[in-house]
Amino acid sequence: MKGITPVIAVILLLLITLSMTGFAFIFFTRIASTASNATESTLRSDLDRQAKKITIDNVDATNAIVYVRNIGQQIIKAAELSVYVNNAKGTCTGTVFGDVGPGQTTSCDFSAGTCASGSVIKVTAPGNFDELDC
């Protein structure tokens, strides 16, 4: 009986060690997986945003029209474009921004008097912004 007790104690210690090692392995694997998924999602979102860039081709102050070109690699939806006149959100009438494919242009007609001399027109997209003087 005296020889069996140390054997049982060693077996119990080995089982406790193995279970703690297994728990630690599963715990750290889940943490690494969660961090990896969150990083991948954020990176994908950032890359998509950076692929949506614009430039203002021209501002026609006489007719109050701004022409915008997509210089990115993805389609930019109309809702993702915003226009500001002197840092105040502008409104478009007539032709309003439409979805713009890579390399394509779109325009926005401003109401009369919006694009006065010295005004700054700024157009924002998910990846950047561009501004020009009227």
C-alpha atoms as a PDB file:
ATOM      1  CA  MET A   1       0.000   0.000   0.000  1.00  0.00           C
ATOM      2  CA  LYS A   2       2.898   2.323   0.731  1.00  0.00           C
ATOM      3  CA  GLY A   3       4.234   1.994  -2.851  1.00  0.00           C
ATOM      4  CA  ILE A   4       0.907   2.853  -4.502  1.00  0.00           C
ATOM      5  CA  THR A   5       0.382   6.274  -2.885  1.00  0.00           C
ATOM      6  CA  PRO A   6       3.394   7.976  -4.556  1.00  0.00           C
ATOM      7  CA  VAL A   7       2.339   6.533  -7.953  1.00  0.00           C
ATOM      8  CA  ILE A   8      -1.191   7.912  -7.545  1.00  0.00           C
ATOM      9  CA  ALA A   9       0.235  11.290  -6.473  1.00  0.00           C
ATOM     10  CA  VAL A  10       2.502  11.438  -9.569  1.00  0.00           C
ATOM     11  CA  ILE A  11      -0.408  10.492 -11.857  1.00  0.00           C
ATOM     12  CA  LEU A  12      -2.626  13.170 -10.300  1.00  0.00           C
ATOM     13  CA  LEU A  13       0.091  15.811 -10.684  1.00  0.00           C
ATOM     14  CA  LEU A  14       0.593  14.823 -14.345  1.00  0.00           C
ATOM     15  CA  LEU A  15      -3.151  15.033 -15.003  1.00  0.00           C
ATOM     16  CA  ILE A  16      -3.366  18.465 -13.355  1.00  0.00           C
ATOM     17  CA  THR A  17      -0.368  19.689 -15.385  1.00  0.00           C
ATOM     18  CA  LEU A  18      -1.808  18.353 -18.652  1.00  0.00           C
ATOM     19  CA  SER A  19      -5.229  19.897 -18.012  1.00  0.00           C
ATOM     20  CA  MET A  20      -3.711  23.302 -17.182  1.00  0.00           C
ATOM     21  CA  THR A  21      -1.525  23.142 -20.303  1.00  0.00           C
ATOM     22  CA  GLY A  22      -4.561  22.273 -22.425  1.00  0.00           C
ATOM     23  CA  PHE A  23      -6.578  25.101 -20.899  1.00  0.00           C
ATOM     24  CA  ALA A  24      -3.756  27.609 -21.531  1.00  0.00           C
ATOM     25  CA  PHE A  25      -3.357  26.402 -25.123  1.00  0.00           C
ATOM     26  CA  ILE A  26      -7.077  26.796 -25.892  1.00  0.00           C
ATOM     27  CA  PHE A  27      -7.256  30.163 -24.113  1.00  0.00           C
ATOM     28  CA  PHE A  28      -4.315  31.693 -26.005  1.00  0.00           C
ATOM     29  CA  THR A  29      -5.427  30.171 -29.312  1.00  0.00           C
ATOM     30  CA  ARG A  30      -8.832  31.866 -28.974  1.00  0.00           C
ATOM     31  CA  ILE A  31      -7.248  35.198 -28.046  1.00  0.00           C
ATOM     32  CA  ALA A  32      -4.904  35.029 -31.044  1.00  0.00           C
ATOM     33  CA  SER A  33      -7.779  34.084 -33.350  1.00  0.00           C
ATOM     34  CA  THR A  34      -9.964  36.959 -32.132  1.00  0.00           C
ATOM     35  CA  ALA A  35      -7.140  39.470 -32.504  1.00  0.00           C
ATOM     36  CA  SER A  36      -6.325  38.166 -35.966  1.00  0.00           C
ATOM     37  CA  ASN A  37      -9.947  38.438 -37.146  1.00  0.00           C
ATOM     38  CA  ALA A  38     -10.319  41.966 -35.796  1.00  0.00           C
ATOM     39  CA  THR A  39      -7.066  43.051 -37.443  1.00  0.00           C
ATOM     40  CA  GLU A  40      -8.054  41.491 -40.755  1.00  0.00           C
ATOM     41  CA  SER A  41     -11.455  43.192 -40.697  1.00  0.00           C
ATOM     42  CA  THR A  42      -9.947  46.591 -39.887  1.00  0.00           C
ATOM     43  CA  LEU A  43      -7.261  46.207 -42.542  1.00  0.00           C
ATOM     44  CA  ARG A  44      -9.818  45.229 -45.190  1.00  0.00           C
ATOM     45  CA  SER A  45     -11.965  48.247 -44.258  1.00  0.00           C
ATOM     46  CA  ASP A  46      -8.966  50.606 -44.424  1.00  0.00           C
ATOM     47  CA  LEU A  47      -7.855  49.235 -47.805  1.00  0.00           C
ATOM     48  CA  ASP A  48     -11.377  49.609 -49.211  1.00  0.00           C
ATOM     49  CA  ARG A  49     -11.524  53.190 -47.962  1.00  0.00           C
ATOM     50  CA  GLN A  50      -8.105  54.042 -49.415  1.00  0.00           C
ATOM     51  CA  ALA A  51      -9.169  52.673 -52.817  1.00  0.00           C
ATOM     52  CA  LYS A  52     -11.902  55.343 -53.016  1.00  0.00           C
ATOM     53  CA  LYS A  53     -10.101  58.584 -53.895  1.00  0.00           C
ATOM     54  CA  ILE A  54     -11.250  61.613 -55.853  1.00  0.00           C
ATOM     55  CA  THR A  55      -9.898  64.761 -57.406  1.00  0.00           C
ATOM     56  CA  ILE A  56     -11.752  67.873 -58.510  1.00  0.00           C
ATOM     57  CA  ASP A  57     -11.243  68.237 -62.254  1.00  0.00           C
ATOM     58  CA  ASN A  58     -12.850  71.641 -62.574  1.00  0.00           C
ATOM     59  CA  VAL A  59     -15.097  74.162 -60.875  1.00  0.00           C
ATOM     60  CA  ASP A  60     -17.310  76.102 -63.277  1.00  0.00           C
ATOM     61  CA  ALA A  61     -18.056  79.208 -61.198  1.00  0.00           C
ATOM     62  CA  THR A  62     -20.295  80.732 -63.870  1.00  0.00           C
ATOM     63  CA  ASN A  63     -22.704  77.785 -63.909  1.00  0.00           C
ATOM     64  CA  ALA A  64     -21.907  76.672 -60.323  1.00  0.00           C
ATOM     65  CA  ILE A  65     -20.868  73.133 -61.309  1.00  0.00           C
ATOM     66  CA  VAL A  66     -18.085  71.062 -59.768  1.00  0.00           C
ATOM     67  CA  TYR A  67     -16.637  68.134 -61.748  1.00  0.00           C
ATOM     68  CA  VAL A  68     -15.165  65.258 -59.728  1.00  0.00           C
ATOM     69  CA  ARG A  69     -13.062  62.330 -61.010  1.00  0.00           C
ATOM     70  CA  ASN A  70     -12.591  58.973 -59.263  1.00  0.00           C
ATOM     71  CA  ILE A  71      -8.824  58.334 -59.144  1.00  0.00           C
ATOM     72  CA  GLY A  72      -9.159  55.249 -56.954  1.00  0.00           C
ATOM     73  CA  GLN A  73      -9.681  51.599 -57.868  1.00  0.00           C
ATOM     74  CA  GLN A  74     -13.225  51.088 -56.558  1.00  0.00           C
ATOM     75  CA  ILE A  75     -16.662  52.465 -57.319  1.00  0.00           C
ATOM     76  CA  ILE A  76     -17.585  55.398 -55.104  1.00  0.00           C
ATOM     77  CA  LYS A  77     -21.281  55.585 -54.270  1.00  0.00           C
ATOM     78  CA  ALA A  78     -23.026  58.959 -54.433  1.00  0.00           C
ATOM     79  CA  ALA A  79     -23.779  58.842 -50.697  1.00  0.00           C
ATOM     80  CA  GLU A  80     -20.035  58.618 -49.955  1.00  0.00           C
ATOM     81  CA  LEU A  81     -19.336  62.002 -51.585  1.00  0.00           C
ATOM     82  CA  SER A  82     -19.914  65.264 -49.750  1.00  0.00           C
ATOM     83  CA  VAL A  83     -19.504  68.851 -50.940  1.00  0.00           C
ATOM     84  CA  TYR A  84     -18.543  71.788 -48.736  1.00  0.00           C
ATOM     85  CA  VAL A  85     -18.523  75.478 -49.657  1.00  0.00           C
ATOM     86  CA  ASN A  86     -16.284  77.493 -47.337  1.00  0.00           C
ATOM     87  CA  ASN A  87     -16.380  74.565 -44.861  1.00  0.00           C
ATOM     88  CA  ALA A  88     -20.192  74.585 -44.767  1.00  0.00           C
ATOM     89  CA  LYS A  89     -21.995  71.545 -46.142  1.00  0.00           C
ATOM     90  CA  GLY A  90     -23.264  72.408 -49.617  1.00  0.00           C
ATOM     91  CA  THR A  91     -26.327  71.137 -51.408  1.00  0.00           C
ATOM     92  CA  CYS A  92     -26.633  70.014 -54.998  1.00  0.00           C
ATOM     93  CA  THR A  93     -29.520  70.773 -57.316  1.00  0.00           C
ATOM     94  CA  GLY A  94     -30.047  69.527 -60.839  1.00  0.00           C
ATOM     95  CA  THR A  95     -27.359  66.974 -61.629  1.00  0.00           C
ATOM     96  CA  VAL A  96     -26.347  65.353 -58.368  1.00  0.00           C
ATOM     97  CA  PHE A  97     -23.364  63.123 -57.819  1.00  0.00           C
ATOM     98  CA  GLY A  98     -23.940  59.606 -59.085  1.00  0.00           C
ATOM     99  CA  ASP A  99     -21.970  56.425 -58.501  1.00  0.00           C
ATOM    100  CA  VAL A 100     -18.531  56.896 -60.025  1.00  0.00           C
ATOM    101  CA  GLY A 101     -16.414  54.059 -61.377  1.00  0.00           C
ATOM    102  CA  PRO A 102     -12.616  54.180 -61.474  1.00  0.00           C
ATOM    103  CA  GLY A 103     -11.471  56.873 -63.907  1.00  0.00           C
ATOM    104  CA  GLN A 104     -14.985  58.245 -64.428  1.00  0.00           C
ATOM    105  CA  THR A 105     -16.246  61.724 -63.634  1.00  0.00           C
ATOM    106  CA  THR A 106     -19.455  63.072 -62.158  1.00  0.00           C
ATOM    107  CA  SER A 107     -20.750  66.560 -61.506  1.00  0.00           C
ATOM    108  CA  CYS A 108     -22.818  68.514 -59.041  1.00  0.00           C
ATOM    109  CA  ASP A 109     -24.837  71.642 -59.946  1.00  0.00           C
ATOM    110  CA  PHE A 110     -24.940  74.207 -57.163  1.00  0.00           C
ATOM    111  CA  SER A 111     -27.742  76.696 -56.773  1.00  0.00           C
ATOM    112  CA  ALA A 112     -27.073  80.227 -57.999  1.00  0.00           C
ATOM    113  CA  GLY A 113     -24.713  82.304 -55.876  1.00  0.00           C
ATOM    114  CA  THR A 114     -23.221  79.315 -54.064  1.00  0.00           C
ATOM    115  CA  CYS A 115     -19.872  79.507 -55.831  1.00  0.00           C
ATOM    116  CA  ALA A 116     -18.977  83.176 -55.360  1.00  0.00           C
ATOM    117  CA  SER A 117     -15.508  84.482 -56.157  1.00  0.00           C
ATOM    118  CA  GLY A 118     -13.066  83.551 -53.386  1.00  0.00           C
ATOM    119  CA  SER A 119     -15.177  80.660 -52.138  1.00  0.00           C
ATOM    120  CA  VAL A 120     -13.493  77.320 -51.557  1.00  0.00           C
ATOM    121  CA  ILE A 121     -15.192  74.161 -52.839  1.00  0.00           C
ATOM    122  CA  LYS A 122     -14.198  70.983 -51.027  1.00  0.00           C
ATOM    123  CA  VAL A 123     -15.321  67.475 -52.012  1.00  0.00           C
ATOM    124  CA  THR A 124     -14.751  64.566 -49.636  1.00  0.00           C
ATOM    125  CA  ALA A 125     -14.631  60.851 -50.376  1.00  0.00           C
ATOM    126  CA  PRO A 126     -13.848  57.915 -48.069  1.00  0.00           C
ATOM    127  CA  GLY A 127     -10.154  57.894 -49.051  1.00  0.00           C
ATOM    128  CA  ASN A 128      -9.349  61.597 -49.327  1.00  0.00           C
ATOM    129  CA  PHE A 129     -10.638  65.086 -50.105  1.00  0.00           C
ATOM    130  CA  ASP A 130      -9.829  67.765 -52.656  1.00  0.00           C
ATOM    131  CA  GLU A 131     -10.536  71.473 -52.710  1.00  0.00           C
ATOM    132  CA  LEU A 132     -10.371  74.310 -55.240  1.00  0.00           C
ATOM    133  CA  ASP A 133     -11.186  78.012 -55.311  1.00  0.00           C
ATOM    134  CA  CYS A 134     -14.197  79.171 -57.315  1.00  0.00           C
END
